[in-house]
Protein backbone atom coordinates (compact mmCIF):
# COMPACT_ATOMS: atom_id res chain seq x y z
CA MET A 1 151.15 172.69 65.49
CA LEU A 2 153.97 173.89 67.72
CA CYS A 3 156.36 171.19 68.88
CA TYR A 4 157.98 171.21 72.30
CA HIS A 5 160.61 169.15 74.04
CA GLY A 6 159.90 169.74 77.70
CA GLU A 7 159.25 173.46 77.87
CA LYS A 8 161.44 174.37 74.90
CA GLU A 9 159.87 174.94 71.49
CA PHE A 10 161.82 173.15 68.75
CA GLY A 11 159.62 173.46 65.67
CA ALA A 12 156.28 173.82 63.97
CA ALA A 13 154.24 172.08 61.31
CA ALA A 14 151.24 173.35 59.37
CA TYR A 15 149.19 172.50 56.32
CA GLY A 16 147.95 174.76 53.58
CA MET A 17 146.65 174.78 50.04
CA ARG A 18 143.91 172.33 51.01
CA ASN A 19 142.30 170.93 47.88
CA MET A 20 139.15 169.10 48.89
CA GLN A 21 138.25 168.21 45.29
CA ASN A 22 141.42 166.13 45.00
CA LEU A 23 141.72 165.43 48.75
CA ASN A 24 145.25 166.71 49.27
CA VAL A 25 147.09 169.29 51.36
CA ARG A 26 150.58 170.77 51.35
CA LEU A 27 152.73 170.33 54.45
CA THR A 28 155.14 172.96 55.70
CA CYS A 29 157.44 172.33 58.65
CA PHE A 30 160.33 174.05 60.41
CA PHE A 31 162.48 172.43 63.09
CA THR A 32 165.63 173.57 64.87
CA GLU A 33 166.93 169.99 64.58
CA PRO A 34 165.16 168.19 61.73
CA ALA A 35 167.07 164.97 62.46
CA ARG A 36 165.31 164.73 65.86
CA ALA A 37 161.80 165.69 64.72
CA ALA A 38 160.50 162.48 63.12
CA ALA A 39 158.21 161.49 66.01
CA ALA A 40 156.62 164.95 66.21
CA LEU A 41 156.13 165.12 62.45
CA ALA A 42 154.66 161.60 62.31
CA ILE A 43 152.10 162.60 64.95
CA TYR A 44 151.14 165.66 62.90
CA VAL A 45 150.83 163.65 59.67
CA ARG A 46 148.64 161.16 61.53
CA HIS A 47 146.53 164.08 62.78
CA LEU A 48 146.03 165.34 59.22
CA PHE A 49 144.92 161.93 57.96
CA TRP A 50 142.63 161.37 60.97
CA GLY A 51 141.25 164.90 61.12
CA MET A 52 140.15 165.47 57.55
CA PRO A 53 139.31 163.38 54.51
CA VAL A 54 142.64 163.83 52.73
CA HIS A 55 144.17 161.16 50.54
CA ARG A 56 147.58 162.75 49.95
CA ILE A 57 149.98 165.08 51.76
CA HIS A 58 152.82 166.67 49.82
CA ALA A 59 155.73 168.99 50.55
CA GLN A 60 157.92 171.19 48.37
CA LEU A 61 161.40 172.02 49.65
CA PRO A 62 163.96 174.38 48.16
CA VAL A 63 167.09 172.46 47.21
CA VAL A 64 169.43 174.52 49.39
CA ASP A 65 171.79 173.77 52.29
CA ALA A 66 169.00 172.78 54.74
CA GLY A 67 167.12 170.78 52.10
CA PRO A 68 168.76 167.37 52.61
CA ALA A 69 167.95 167.37 56.34
CA TYR A 70 164.27 167.96 55.58
CA VAL A 71 164.20 165.39 52.79
CA SER A 72 165.60 162.87 55.29
CA LEU A 73 163.02 163.91 57.88
CA LEU A 74 160.11 163.49 55.48
CA ARG A 75 161.45 160.15 54.25
CA ALA A 76 161.76 159.04 57.88
CA VAL A 77 157.97 159.38 58.30
CA GLY A 78 156.97 157.64 55.08
CA PHE A 79 157.15 160.34 52.40
CA ARG A 80 158.57 159.42 49.00
CA GLU A 81 160.56 161.64 46.69
CA GLU A 82 158.37 162.42 43.69
CA GLY A 83 160.63 164.65 41.66
CA VAL A 84 162.20 168.06 41.25
CA VAL A 85 160.62 171.22 39.89
CA ARG A 86 163.51 172.98 38.19
CA ALA A 87 164.18 176.68 38.79
CA HIS A 88 160.80 177.12 40.49
CA ALA A 89 161.72 179.30 43.48
CA LEU A 90 163.83 182.39 44.02
CA MET A 91 166.24 182.28 46.95
CA ARG A 92 168.37 185.37 47.55
CA GLY A 93 167.69 186.47 44.00
CA GLN A 94 168.81 183.17 42.45
CA SER A 95 166.54 180.55 40.92
CA CYS A 96 166.35 177.36 42.92
CA ASP A 97 164.98 173.89 42.32
CA LEU A 98 162.25 172.44 44.55
CA ALA A 99 162.23 168.85 45.74
CA VAL A 100 158.71 167.39 45.84
CA LEU A 101 157.83 164.65 48.32
CA GLY A 102 154.49 163.08 49.11
CA VAL A 103 152.68 160.35 50.98
CA VAL A 104 149.24 158.88 50.43
CA ARG A 105 147.03 157.61 53.23
CA GLU A 106 147.59 153.90 52.49
CA GLU A 107 151.38 154.34 52.40
CA PHE A 108 151.34 156.15 55.73
CA GLU A 109 149.13 153.47 57.28
CA ALA A 110 151.64 150.83 56.12
CA TRP A 111 154.52 152.94 57.45
CA CYS A 112 152.79 153.16 60.86
CA GLN A 113 152.29 149.37 60.98
CA THR A 114 155.99 148.83 60.35
CA ASN A 115 157.64 151.79 62.07
CA GLU A 116 155.33 153.32 64.67
CA ARG A 117 152.59 150.95 65.81
CA ARG A 118 151.29 153.50 68.32
CA LEU A 119 150.04 155.59 65.38
CA ALA A 120 148.43 152.69 63.52
CA ILE A 121 144.64 152.44 63.42
């Protein structure tokens, strides 16, 4: 999904690594201003839960300079921090930790009821 503000593109979100046995997908997103992208990301998360029979959406983020902004963005739409995978990724030749965040369908439904009623069922 490409995200626009007016006619200007400001980010994208996509899913991958769909596991239909365990009903989960991995979310990847990129935004020019993560602090302003919560509404767009919430709509995409809602789309994933409505559009396919997934129970859980998770994200893995390198713990680098941009990481905290994305952790805040994901938390803003109902994701919870689940842990850190130590030295899992290579960034510029250096090992880097990954932050793992996730949300299950019921948690997101509750988040919608409290924070964004327009997305609630």
